[in-house]
Amino acid sequence: MKPEHKIKWIADLRSGEYQQGKGLLCSMYNNIKKYCCLGVLLEGTLNIKPIPTAMNDLNHIIFRYDDSCHSLSNKFQQAIQLDFHDISILTNMNDQDITFNQIADYIEVNF
């Protein structure tokens, strides 16, 4: 991972600007947008805008980045230089109620 991406991602995770969600890179329910830590990486760090892809009902929108709603596509994995193992660890941390601040601490030490 490029040092500038790491620094920006950690700052984005700690900023309080992104509300943490589970199971999806990004979704919105009742106008509240929630992110996985990887969604923060894409939208905040890499400045990639999500595309609304599915609406479960009038109040719930699921977004995708490139071709995925749940994880980094191969294109983004290569661009950010994260492998499947790293992505799995981060996804599991995010979905097991590990806070963005704790995930930022992990990234700071391990990447």
PDB file of N, CA and C in Angstrom:
ATOM      1  N   MET A   1       0.839  -1.177   0.000  1.00  0.00           N
ATOM      2  CA  MET A   1       0.000   0.000   0.000  1.00  0.00           C
ATOM      3  C   MET A   1       0.886   1.244   0.000  1.00  0.00           C
ATOM      4  N   LYS A   2       0.517   2.189  -0.838  1.00  0.00           N
ATOM      5  CA  LYS A   2       1.277   3.434  -0.902  1.00  0.00           C
ATOM      6  C   LYS A   2       1.138   4.189   0.418  1.00  0.00           C
ATOM      7  N   PRO A   3       2.221   4.749   0.917  1.00  0.00           N
ATOM      8  CA  PRO A   3       2.161   5.467   2.200  1.00  0.00           C
ATOM      9  C   PRO A   3       1.103   6.575   2.222  1.00  0.00           C
ATOM     10  N   GLU A   4       0.941   7.294   1.116  1.00  0.00           N
ATOM     11  CA  GLU A   4      -0.050   8.379   1.113  1.00  0.00           C
ATOM     12  C   GLU A   4      -1.478   7.837   1.215  1.00  0.00           C
ATOM     13  N   HIS A   5      -1.729   6.650   0.642  1.00  0.00           N
ATOM     14  CA  HIS A   5      -3.053   6.040   0.781  1.00  0.00           C
ATOM     15  C   HIS A   5      -3.286   5.600   2.222  1.00  0.00           C
ATOM     16  N   LYS A   6      -2.292   5.012   2.819  1.00  0.00           N
ATOM     17  CA  LYS A   6      -2.397   4.555   4.208  1.00  0.00           C
ATOM     18  C   LYS A   6      -2.703   5.730   5.138  1.00  0.00           C
ATOM     19  N   ILE A   7      -1.955   6.811   5.005  1.00  0.00           N
ATOM     20  CA  ILE A   7      -2.143   7.988   5.869  1.00  0.00           C
ATOM     21  C   ILE A   7      -3.546   8.564   5.699  1.00  0.00           C
ATOM     22  N   LYS A   8      -3.991   8.696   4.460  1.00  0.00           N
ATOM     23  CA  LYS A   8      -5.330   9.268   4.183  1.00  0.00           C
ATOM     24  C   LYS A   8      -6.428   8.345   4.690  1.00  0.00           C
ATOM     25  N   TRP A   9      -6.277   7.040   4.482  1.00  0.00           N
ATOM     26  CA  TRP A   9      -7.296   6.081   4.920  1.00  0.00           C
ATOM     27  C   TRP A   9      -7.430   6.102   6.437  1.00  0.00           C
ATOM     28  N   ILE A  10      -6.325   6.098   7.130  1.00  0.00           N
ATOM     29  CA  ILE A  10      -6.360   6.148   8.591  1.00  0.00           C
ATOM     30  C   ILE A  10      -7.051   7.438   9.051  1.00  0.00           C
ATOM     31  N   ALA A  11      -6.699   8.546   8.433  1.00  0.00           N
ATOM     32  CA  ALA A  11      -7.325   9.827   8.786  1.00  0.00           C
ATOM     33  C   ALA A  11      -8.825   9.798   8.507  1.00  0.00           C
ATOM     34  N   ASP A  12      -9.216   9.233   7.365  1.00  0.00           N
ATOM     35  CA  ASP A  12     -10.643   9.142   7.033  1.00  0.00           C
ATOM     36  C   ASP A  12     -11.391   8.280   8.041  1.00  0.00           C
ATOM     37  N   LEU A  13     -10.813   7.158   8.426  1.00  0.00           N
ATOM     38  CA  LEU A  13     -11.470   6.276   9.398  1.00  0.00           C
ATOM     39  C   LEU A  13     -11.629   6.963  10.758  1.00  0.00           C
ATOM     40  N   ARG A  14     -10.688   7.783  11.126  1.00  0.00           N
ATOM     41  CA  ARG A  14     -10.720   8.459  12.433  1.00  0.00           C
ATOM     42  C   ARG A  14     -11.483   9.781  12.409  1.00  0.00           C
ATOM     43  N   SER A  15     -11.859  10.239  11.232  1.00  0.00           N
ATOM     44  CA  SER A  15     -12.436  11.578  11.078  1.00  0.00           C
ATOM     45  C   SER A  15     -13.817  11.748  11.703  1.00  0.00           C
ATOM     46  N   GLY A  16     -14.565  10.669  11.844  1.00  0.00           N
ATOM     47  CA  GLY A  16     -15.949  10.775  12.308  1.00  0.00           C
ATOM     48  C   GLY A  16     -16.908  11.149  11.182  1.00  0.00           C
ATOM     49  N   GLU A  17     -16.387  11.344   9.991  1.00  0.00           N
ATOM     50  CA  GLU A  17     -17.204  11.730   8.839  1.00  0.00           C
ATOM     51  C   GLU A  17     -18.020  10.556   8.287  1.00  0.00           C
ATOM     52  N   TYR A  18     -17.545   9.335   8.513  1.00  0.00           N
ATOM     53  CA  TYR A  18     -18.183   8.145   7.949  1.00  0.00           C
ATOM     54  C   TYR A  18     -18.819   7.319   9.052  1.00  0.00           C
ATOM     55  N   GLN A  19     -20.101   7.008   8.874  1.00  0.00           N
ATOM     56  CA  GLN A  19     -20.795   6.146   9.832  1.00  0.00           C
ATOM     57  C   GLN A  19     -20.573   4.698   9.433  1.00  0.00           C
ATOM     58  N   GLN A  20     -20.254   3.867  10.405  1.00  0.00           N
ATOM     59  CA  GLN A  20     -19.913   2.476  10.124  1.00  0.00           C
ATOM     60  C   GLN A  20     -21.160   1.623   9.917  1.00  0.00           C
ATOM     61  N   GLY A  21     -21.096   0.786   8.876  1.00  0.00           N
ATOM     62  CA  GLY A  21     -22.143  -0.179   8.586  1.00  0.00           C
ATOM     63  C   GLY A  21     -21.533  -1.555   8.423  1.00  0.00           C
ATOM     64  N   LYS A  22     -22.366  -2.538   8.174  1.00  0.00           N
ATOM     65  CA  LYS A  22     -21.903  -3.923   8.032  1.00  0.00           C
ATOM     66  C   LYS A  22     -22.421  -4.538   6.741  1.00  0.00           C
ATOM     67  N   GLY A  23     -21.636  -5.490   6.217  1.00  0.00           N
ATOM     68  CA  GLY A  23     -22.097  -6.338   5.128  1.00  0.00           C
ATOM     69  C   GLY A  23     -22.019  -5.757   3.733  1.00  0.00           C
ATOM     70  N   LEU A  24     -21.935  -4.449   3.603  1.00  0.00           N
ATOM     71  CA  LEU A  24     -21.887  -3.793   2.302  1.00  0.00           C
ATOM     72  C   LEU A  24     -20.818  -2.702   2.333  1.00  0.00           C
ATOM     73  N   LEU A  25     -20.237  -2.426   1.182  1.00  0.00           N
ATOM     74  CA  LEU A  25     -19.263  -1.343   1.119  1.00  0.00           C
ATOM     75  C   LEU A  25     -19.900  -0.013   1.480  1.00  0.00           C
ATOM     76  N   CYS A  26     -21.122   0.190   0.981  1.00  0.00           N
ATOM     77  CA  CYS A  26     -21.843   1.428   1.263  1.00  0.00           C
ATOM     78  C   CYS A  26     -23.334   1.199   1.033  1.00  0.00           C
ATOM     79  N   SER A  27     -24.130   1.693   1.961  1.00  0.00           N
ATOM     80  CA  SER A  27     -25.575   1.647   1.783  1.00  0.00           C
ATOM     81  C   SER A  27     -26.176   2.877   2.453  1.00  0.00           C
ATOM     82  N   MET A  28     -27.411   3.162   2.096  1.00  0.00           N
ATOM     83  CA  MET A  28     -28.096   4.289   2.704  1.00  0.00           C
ATOM     84  C   MET A  28     -29.505   3.860   3.081  1.00  0.00           C
ATOM     85  N   TYR A  29     -29.882   4.155   4.299  1.00  0.00           N
ATOM     86  CA  TYR A  29     -31.217   3.857   4.792  1.00  0.00           C
ATOM     87  C   TYR A  29     -31.745   5.103   5.477  1.00  0.00           C
ATOM     88  N   ASN A  30     -32.918   5.550   5.059  1.00  0.00           N
ATOM     89  CA  ASN A  30     -33.508   6.774   5.596  1.00  0.00           C
ATOM     90  C   ASN A  30     -32.522   7.943   5.551  1.00  0.00           C
ATOM     91  N   ASN A  31     -31.846   8.089   4.424  1.00  0.00           N
ATOM     92  CA  ASN A  31     -30.888   9.169   4.179  1.00  0.00           C
ATOM     93  C   ASN A  31     -29.653   9.144   5.072  1.00  0.00           C
ATOM     94  N   ILE A  32     -29.364   8.025   5.699  1.00  0.00           N
ATOM     95  CA  ILE A  32     -28.141   7.866   6.488  1.00  0.00           C
ATOM     96  C   ILE A  32     -27.240   6.888   5.754  1.00  0.00           C
ATOM     97  N   LYS A  33     -26.104   7.390   5.303  1.00  0.00           N
ATOM     98  CA  LYS A  33     -25.153   6.587   4.550  1.00  0.00           C
ATOM     99  C   LYS A  33     -24.207   5.899   5.534  1.00  0.00           C
ATOM    100  N   LYS A  34     -24.011   4.587   5.327  1.00  0.00           N
ATOM    101  CA  LYS A  34     -23.112   3.807   6.174  1.00  0.00           C
ATOM    102  C   LYS A  34     -22.087   3.094   5.305  1.00  0.00           C
ATOM    103  N   TYR A  35     -20.897   2.908   5.889  1.00  0.00           N
ATOM    104  CA  TYR A  35     -19.770   2.363   5.143  1.00  0.00           C
ATOM    105  C   TYR A  35     -19.089   1.225   5.890  1.00  0.00           C
ATOM    106  N   CYS A  36     -18.571   0.284   5.135  1.00  0.00           N
ATOM    107  CA  CYS A  36     -17.569  -0.653   5.610  1.00  0.00           C
ATOM    108  C   CYS A  36     -16.246   0.117   5.576  1.00  0.00           C
ATOM    109  N   CYS A  37     -15.259  -0.333   6.319  1.00  0.00           N
ATOM    110  CA  CYS A  37     -13.948   0.331   6.281  1.00  0.00           C
ATOM    111  C   CYS A  37     -13.379   0.351   4.864  1.00  0.00           C
ATOM    112  N   LEU A  38     -13.724  -0.640   4.046  1.00  0.00           N
ATOM    113  CA  LEU A  38     -13.258  -0.672   2.656  1.00  0.00           C
ATOM    114  C   LEU A  38     -14.010   0.339   1.792  1.00  0.00           C
ATOM    115  N   GLY A  39     -15.251   0.610   2.118  1.00  0.00           N
ATOM    116  CA  GLY A  39     -15.998   1.676   1.440  1.00  0.00           C
ATOM    117  C   GLY A  39     -15.383   3.039   1.726  1.00  0.00           C
ATOM    118  N   VAL A  40     -14.916   3.227   2.966  1.00  0.00           N
ATOM    119  CA  VAL A  40     -14.209   4.464   3.319  1.00  0.00           C
ATOM    120  C   VAL A  40     -12.934   4.585   2.486  1.00  0.00           C
ATOM    121  N   LEU A  41     -12.238   3.477   2.315  1.00  0.00           N
ATOM    122  CA  LEU A  41     -11.029   3.472   1.486  1.00  0.00           C
ATOM    123  C   LEU A  41     -11.352   3.930   0.065  1.00  0.00           C
ATOM    124  N   LEU A  42     -12.406   3.384  -0.511  1.00  0.00           N
ATOM    125  CA  LEU A  42     -12.754   3.707  -1.889  1.00  0.00           C
ATOM    126  C   LEU A  42     -13.248   5.147  -2.033  1.00  0.00           C
ATOM    127  N   GLU A  43     -14.213   5.513  -1.222  1.00  0.00           N
ATOM    128  CA  GLU A  43     -14.831   6.824  -1.398  1.00  0.00           C
ATOM    129  C   GLU A  43     -13.985   7.954  -0.814  1.00  0.00           C
ATOM    130  N   GLY A  44     -13.443   7.752   0.367  1.00  0.00           N
ATOM    131  CA  GLY A  44     -12.674   8.806   1.004  1.00  0.00           C
ATOM    132  C   GLY A  44     -11.262   8.897   0.477  1.00  0.00           C
ATOM    133  N   THR A  45     -10.541   7.813   0.572  1.00  0.00           N
ATOM    134  CA  THR A  45      -9.119   7.801   0.237  1.00  0.00           C
ATOM    135  C   THR A  45      -8.873   7.898  -1.260  1.00  0.00           C
ATOM    136  N   LEU A  46      -9.584   7.097  -2.030  1.00  0.00           N
ATOM    137  CA  LEU A  46      -9.359   7.052  -3.479  1.00  0.00           C
ATOM    138  C   LEU A  46     -10.301   7.971  -4.263  1.00  0.00           C
ATOM    139  N   ASN A  47     -11.268   8.582  -3.548  1.00  0.00           N
ATOM    140  CA  ASN A  47     -12.218   9.508  -4.161  1.00  0.00           C
ATOM    141  C   ASN A  47     -13.017   8.870  -5.295  1.00  0.00           C
ATOM    142  N   ILE A  48     -13.439   7.633  -5.092  1.00  0.00           N
ATOM    143  CA  ILE A  48     -14.265   6.917  -6.063  1.00  0.00           C
ATOM    144  C   ILE A  48     -15.712   6.984  -5.590  1.00  0.00           C
ATOM    145  N   LYS A  49     -16.557   7.501  -6.430  1.00  0.00           N
ATOM    146  CA  LYS A  49     -17.961   7.678  -6.062  1.00  0.00           C
ATOM    147  C   LYS A  49     -18.743   6.392  -6.294  1.00  0.00           C
ATOM    148  N   PRO A  50     -19.596   6.028  -5.323  1.00  0.00           N
ATOM    149  CA  PRO A  50     -20.404   4.819  -5.478  1.00  0.00           C
ATOM    150  C   PRO A  50     -21.555   5.046  -6.445  1.00  0.00           C
ATOM    151  N   ILE A  51     -22.020   3.946  -7.014  1.00  0.00           N
ATOM    152  CA  ILE A  51     -23.131   3.968  -7.954  1.00  0.00           C
ATOM    153  C   ILE A  51     -24.328   3.284  -7.290  1.00  0.00           C
ATOM    154  N   PRO A  52     -25.471   3.979  -7.194  1.00  0.00           N
ATOM    155  CA  PRO A  52     -26.657   3.306  -6.653  1.00  0.00           C
ATOM    156  C   PRO A  52     -27.000   2.124  -7.543  1.00  0.00           C
ATOM    157  N   THR A  53     -27.189   0.966  -6.928  1.00  0.00           N
ATOM    158  CA  THR A  53     -27.390  -0.224  -7.745  1.00  0.00           C
ATOM    159  C   THR A  53     -28.672  -0.960  -7.431  1.00  0.00           C
ATOM    160  N   ALA A  54     -29.146  -0.874  -6.215  1.00  0.00           N
ATOM    161  CA  ALA A  54     -30.363  -1.602  -5.848  1.00  0.00           C
ATOM    162  C   ALA A  54     -31.090  -0.825  -4.768  1.00  0.00           C
ATOM    163  N   MET A  55     -32.389  -0.895  -4.836  1.00  0.00           N
ATOM    164  CA  MET A  55     -33.189  -0.266  -3.817  1.00  0.00           C
ATOM    165  C   MET A  55     -34.133  -1.332  -3.276  1.00  0.00           C
ATOM    166  N   ASN A  56     -33.896  -1.737  -2.023  1.00  0.00           N
ATOM    167  CA  ASN A  56     -34.734  -2.767  -1.421  1.00  0.00           C
ATOM    168  C   ASN A  56     -36.141  -2.258  -1.154  1.00  0.00           C
ATOM    169  N   ASP A  57     -36.235  -1.037  -0.749  1.00  0.00           N
ATOM    170  CA  ASP A  57     -37.517  -0.370  -0.610  1.00  0.00           C
ATOM    171  C   ASP A  57     -37.234   1.111  -0.820  1.00  0.00           C
ATOM    172  N   LEU A  58     -38.185   1.937  -0.615  1.00  0.00           N
ATOM    173  CA  LEU A  58     -37.994   3.358  -0.910  1.00  0.00           C
ATOM    174  C   LEU A  58     -36.946   4.019  -0.020  1.00  0.00           C
ATOM    175  N   ASN A  59     -36.622   3.407   1.103  1.00  0.00           N
ATOM    176  CA  ASN A  59     -35.707   4.028   2.046  1.00  0.00           C
ATOM    177  C   ASN A  59     -34.339   3.374   2.122  1.00  0.00           C
ATOM    178  N   HIS A  60     -34.082   2.311   1.369  1.00  0.00           N
ATOM    179  CA  HIS A  60     -32.803   1.594   1.472  1.00  0.00           C
ATOM    180  C   HIS A  60     -32.155   1.455   0.098  1.00  0.00           C
ATOM    181  N   ILE A  61     -30.988   2.076  -0.049  1.00  0.00           N
ATOM    182  CA  ILE A  61     -30.246   2.029  -1.304  1.00  0.00           C
ATOM    183  C   ILE A  61     -28.918   1.322  -1.064  1.00  0.00           C
ATOM    184  N   ILE A  62     -28.561   0.397  -1.947  1.00  0.00           N
ATOM    185  CA  ILE A  62     -27.271  -0.290  -1.901  1.00  0.00           C
ATOM    186  C   ILE A  62     -26.412   0.287  -3.023  1.00  0.00           C
ATOM    187  N   PHE A  63     -25.174   0.609  -2.689  1.00  0.00           N
ATOM    188  CA  PHE A  63     -24.256   1.189  -3.667  1.00  0.00           C
ATOM    189  C   PHE A  63     -23.212   0.157  -4.070  1.00  0.00           C
ATOM    190  N   ARG A  64     -22.654   0.360  -5.266  1.00  0.00           N
ATOM    191  CA  ARG A  64     -21.549  -0.486  -5.707  1.00  0.00           C
ATOM    192  C   ARG A  64     -20.411   0.405  -6.176  1.00  0.00           C
ATOM    193  N   TYR A  65     -19.226  -0.177  -6.122  1.00  0.00           N
ATOM    194  CA  TYR A  65     -18.025   0.455  -6.647  1.00  0.00           C
ATOM    195  C   TYR A  65     -17.499  -0.510  -7.693  1.00  0.00           C
ATOM    196  N   ASP A  66     -17.374  -0.050  -8.915  1.00  0.00           N
ATOM    197  CA  ASP A  66     -16.973  -0.914 -10.019  1.00  0.00           C
ATOM    198  C   ASP A  66     -18.011  -2.019 -10.147  1.00  0.00           C
ATOM    199  N   ASP A  67     -17.662  -3.262  -9.828  1.00  0.00           N
ATOM    200  CA  ASP A  67     -18.612  -4.359 -10.002  1.00  0.00           C
ATOM    201  C   ASP A  67     -18.978  -5.045  -8.695  1.00  0.00           C
ATOM    202  N   SER A  68     -18.773  -4.387  -7.558  1.00  0.00           N
ATOM    203  CA  SER A  68     -19.029  -5.062  -6.297  1.00  0.00           C
ATOM    204  C   SER A  68     -19.725  -4.167  -5.274  1.00  0.00           C
ATOM    205  N   CYS A  69     -20.599  -4.795  -4.505  1.00  0.00           N
ATOM    206  CA  CYS A  69     -21.273  -4.121  -3.391  1.00  0.00           C
ATOM    207  C   CYS A  69     -20.701  -4.565  -2.044  1.00  0.00           C
ATOM    208  N   HIS A  70     -19.979  -5.699  -2.051  1.00  0.00           N
ATOM    209  CA  HIS A  70     -19.581  -6.334  -0.791  1.00  0.00           C
ATOM    210  C   HIS A  70     -18.089  -6.282  -0.491  1.00  0.00           C
ATOM    211  N   SER A  71     -17.250  -6.204  -1.495  1.00  0.00           N
ATOM    212  CA  SER A  71     -15.804  -6.220  -1.265  1.00  0.00           C
ATOM    213  C   SER A  71     -15.097  -5.493  -2.400  1.00  0.00           C
ATOM    214  N   LEU A  72     -13.796  -5.346  -2.281  1.00  0.00           N
ATOM    215  CA  LEU A  72     -13.028  -4.680  -3.325  1.00  0.00           C
ATOM    216  C   LEU A  72     -12.952  -5.559  -4.566  1.00  0.00           C
ATOM    217  N   SER A  73     -13.210  -4.971  -5.710  1.00  0.00           N
ATOM    218  CA  SER A  73     -13.041  -5.709  -6.965  1.00  0.00           C
ATOM    219  C   SER A  73     -11.554  -5.953  -7.194  1.00  0.00           C
ATOM    220  N   ASN A  74     -11.236  -6.860  -8.088  1.00  0.00           N
ATOM    221  CA  ASN A  74      -9.829  -7.139  -8.412  1.00  0.00           C
ATOM    222  C   ASN A  74      -9.102  -5.876  -8.851  1.00  0.00           C
ATOM    223  N   LYS A  75      -9.781  -5.046  -9.603  1.00  0.00           N
ATOM    224  CA  LYS A  75      -9.189  -3.794 -10.081  1.00  0.00           C
ATOM    225  C   LYS A  75      -8.742  -2.923  -8.903  1.00  0.00           C
ATOM    226  N   PHE A  76      -9.593  -2.796  -7.893  1.00  0.00           N
ATOM    227  CA  PHE A  76      -9.256  -1.961  -6.741  1.00  0.00           C
ATOM    228  C   PHE A  76      -8.243  -2.651  -5.829  1.00  0.00           C
ATOM    229  N   GLN A  77      -8.313  -3.974  -5.735  1.00  0.00           N
ATOM    230  CA  GLN A  77      -7.309  -4.704  -4.950  1.00  0.00           C
ATOM    231  C   GLN A  77      -5.915  -4.430  -5.493  1.00  0.00           C
ATOM    232  N   GLN A  78      -5.783  -4.471  -6.809  1.00  0.00           N
ATOM    233  CA  GLN A  78      -4.482  -4.229  -7.436  1.00  0.00           C
ATOM    234  C   GLN A  78      -4.062  -2.771  -7.292  1.00  0.00           C
ATOM    235  N   ALA A  79      -5.010  -1.856  -7.451  1.00  0.00           N
ATOM    236  CA  ALA A  79      -4.684  -0.431  -7.366  1.00  0.00           C
ATOM    237  C   ALA A  79      -4.202  -0.046  -5.972  1.00  0.00           C
ATOM    238  N   ILE A  80      -4.819  -0.597  -4.958  1.00  0.00           N
ATOM    239  CA  ILE A  80      -4.475  -0.233  -3.584  1.00  0.00           C
ATOM    240  C   ILE A  80      -3.443  -1.178  -2.979  1.00  0.00           C
ATOM    241  N   GLN A  81      -3.158  -2.266  -3.676  1.00  0.00           N
ATOM    242  CA  GLN A  81      -2.149  -3.252  -3.268  1.00  0.00           C
ATOM    243  C   GLN A  81      -2.516  -3.954  -1.951  1.00  0.00           C
ATOM    244  N   LEU A  82      -3.770  -4.396  -1.891  1.00  0.00           N
ATOM    245  CA  LEU A  82      -4.229  -5.240  -0.786  1.00  0.00           C
ATOM    246  C   LEU A  82      -4.554  -6.612  -1.365  1.00  0.00           C
ATOM    247  N   ASP A  83      -4.172  -7.657  -0.658  1.00  0.00           N
ATOM    248  CA  ASP A  83      -4.487  -8.994  -1.143  1.00  0.00           C
ATOM    249  C   ASP A  83      -5.753  -9.518  -0.466  1.00  0.00           C
ATOM    250  N   PHE A  84      -6.192 -10.680  -0.906  1.00  0.00           N
ATOM    251  CA  PHE A  84      -7.429 -11.280  -0.396  1.00  0.00           C
ATOM    252  C   PHE A  84      -7.370 -11.476   1.119  1.00  0.00           C
ATOM    253  N   HIS A  85      -6.241 -11.883   1.631  1.00  0.00           N
ATOM    254  CA  HIS A  85      -6.071 -12.105   3.070  1.00  0.00           C
ATOM    255  C   HIS A  85      -6.288 -10.797   3.840  1.00  0.00           C
ATOM    256  N   ASP A  86      -5.655  -9.719   3.400  1.00  0.00           N
ATOM    257  CA  ASP A  86      -5.809  -8.414   4.058  1.00  0.00           C
ATOM    258  C   ASP A  86      -7.267  -7.961   4.030  1.00  0.00           C
ATOM    259  N   ILE A  87      -7.898  -8.110   2.882  1.00  0.00           N
ATOM    260  CA  ILE A  87      -9.286  -7.691   2.721  1.00  0.00           C
ATOM    261  C   ILE A  87     -10.203  -8.501   3.632  1.00  0.00           C
ATOM    262  N   SER A  88      -9.958  -9.801   3.728  1.00  0.00           N
ATOM    263  CA  SER A  88     -10.768 -10.665   4.596  1.00  0.00           C
ATOM    264  C   SER A  88     -10.643 -10.250   6.058  1.00  0.00           C
ATOM    265  N   ILE A  89      -9.433  -9.974   6.494  1.00  0.00           N
ATOM    266  CA  ILE A  89      -9.224  -9.537   7.882  1.00  0.00           C
ATOM    267  C   ILE A  89      -9.987  -8.243   8.154  1.00  0.00           C
ATOM    268  N   LEU A  90      -9.840  -7.273   7.267  1.00  0.00           N
ATOM    269  CA  LEU A  90     -10.495  -5.981   7.469  1.00  0.00           C
ATOM    270  C   LEU A  90     -12.015  -6.098   7.417  1.00  0.00           C
ATOM    271  N   THR A  91     -12.528  -6.893   6.491  1.00  0.00           N
ATOM    272  CA  THR A  91     -13.972  -7.098   6.397  1.00  0.00           C
ATOM    273  C   THR A  91     -14.509  -7.750   7.669  1.00  0.00           C
ATOM    274  N   ASN A  92     -13.816  -8.772   8.151  1.00  0.00           N
ATOM    275  CA  ASN A  92     -14.245  -9.442   9.387  1.00  0.00           C
ATOM    276  C   ASN A  92     -14.187  -8.503  10.582  1.00  0.00           C
ATOM    277  N   MET A  93     -13.134  -7.707  10.681  1.00  0.00           N
ATOM    278  CA  MET A  93     -13.049  -6.744  11.774  1.00  0.00           C
ATOM    279  C   MET A  93     -14.233  -5.788  11.727  1.00  0.00           C
ATOM    280  N   ASN A  94     -14.487  -5.243  10.546  1.00  0.00           N
ATOM    281  CA  ASN A  94     -15.581  -4.285  10.384  1.00  0.00           C
ATOM    282  C   ASN A  94     -16.922  -4.898  10.779  1.00  0.00           C
ATOM    283  N   ASP A  95     -17.168  -6.119  10.343  1.00  0.00           N
ATOM    284  CA  ASP A  95     -18.477  -6.742  10.571  1.00  0.00           C
ATOM    285  C   ASP A  95     -18.613  -7.383  11.950  1.00  0.00           C
ATOM    286  N   GLN A  96     -17.541  -7.374  12.732  1.00  0.00           N
ATOM    287  CA  GLN A  96     -17.594  -7.892  14.108  1.00  0.00           C
ATOM    288  C   GLN A  96     -17.558  -6.759  15.128  1.00  0.00           C
ATOM    289  N   ASP A  97     -18.032  -5.594  14.735  1.00  0.00           N
ATOM    290  CA  ASP A  97     -18.149  -4.443  15.627  1.00  0.00           C
ATOM    291  C   ASP A  97     -16.826  -3.890  16.127  1.00  0.00           C
ATOM    292  N   ILE A  98     -15.752  -4.115  15.392  1.00  0.00           N
ATOM    293  CA  ILE A  98     -14.500  -3.430  15.682  1.00  0.00           C
ATOM    294  C   ILE A  98     -14.667  -2.018  15.115  1.00  0.00           C
ATOM    295  N   THR A  99     -14.422  -1.004  15.907  1.00  0.00           N
ATOM    296  CA  THR A  99     -14.687   0.374  15.482  1.00  0.00           C
ATOM    297  C   THR A  99     -13.714   0.822  14.399  1.00  0.00           C
ATOM    298  N   PHE A 100     -14.094   1.878  13.702  1.00  0.00           N
ATOM    299  CA  PHE A 100     -13.202   2.453  12.703  1.00  0.00           C
ATOM    300  C   PHE A 100     -11.873   2.887  13.332  1.00  0.00           C
ATOM    301  N   ASN A 101     -11.926   3.426  14.552  1.00  0.00           N
ATOM    302  CA  ASN A 101     -10.674   3.824  15.218  1.00  0.00           C
ATOM    303  C   ASN A 101      -9.778   2.613  15.467  1.00  0.00           C
ATOM    304  N   GLN A 102     -10.351   1.510  15.893  1.00  0.00           N
ATOM    305  CA  GLN A 102      -9.571   0.294  16.126  1.00  0.00           C
ATOM    306  C   GLN A 102      -9.033  -0.272  14.811  1.00  0.00           C
ATOM    307  N   ILE A 103      -9.832  -0.212  13.759  1.00  0.00           N
ATOM    308  CA  ILE A 103      -9.372  -0.668  12.444  1.00  0.00           C
ATOM    309  C   ILE A 103      -8.226   0.229  11.965  1.00  0.00           C
ATOM    310  N   ALA A 104      -8.333   1.527  12.180  1.00  0.00           N
ATOM    311  CA  ALA A 104      -7.261   2.451  11.811  1.00  0.00           C
ATOM    312  C   ALA A 104      -5.974   2.103  12.561  1.00  0.00           C
ATOM    313  N   ASP A 105      -6.102   1.750  13.838  1.00  0.00           N
ATOM    314  CA  ASP A 105      -4.929   1.325  14.623  1.00  0.00           C
ATOM    315  C   ASP A 105      -4.293   0.082  13.993  1.00  0.00           C
ATOM    316  N   TYR A 106      -5.113  -0.870  13.587  1.00  0.00           N
ATOM    317  CA  TYR A 106      -4.622  -2.100  12.963  1.00  0.00           C
ATOM    318  C   TYR A 106      -3.884  -1.789  11.652  1.00  0.00           C
ATOM    319  N   ILE A 107      -4.485  -0.946  10.830  1.00  0.00           N
ATOM    320  CA  ILE A 107      -3.875  -0.576   9.551  1.00  0.00           C
ATOM    321  C   ILE A 107      -2.538   0.112   9.787  1.00  0.00           C
ATOM    322  N   GLU A 108      -2.506   0.996  10.768  1.00  0.00           N
ATOM    323  CA  GLU A 108      -1.291   1.746  11.075  1.00  0.00           C
ATOM    324  C   GLU A 108      -0.115   0.816  11.414  1.00  0.00           C
ATOM    325  N   VAL A 109      -0.405  -0.254  12.142  1.00  0.00           N
ATOM    326  CA  VAL A 109       0.644  -1.179  12.588  1.00  0.00           C
ATOM    327  C   VAL A 109       0.965  -2.229  11.521  1.00  0.00           C
ATOM    328  N   ASN A 110      -0.027  -2.691  10.782  1.00  0.00           N
ATOM    329  CA  ASN A 110       0.141  -3.868   9.932  1.00  0.00           C
ATOM    330  C   ASN A 110       0.331  -3.618   8.438  1.00  0.00           C
ATOM    331  N   PHE A 111       0.163  -2.386   7.974  1.00  0.00           N
ATOM    332  CA  PHE A 111       0.337  -2.117   6.548  1.00  0.00           C
ATOM    333  C   PHE A 111       1.434  -1.093   6.324  1.00  0.00           C
TER     334      PHE A 111
END
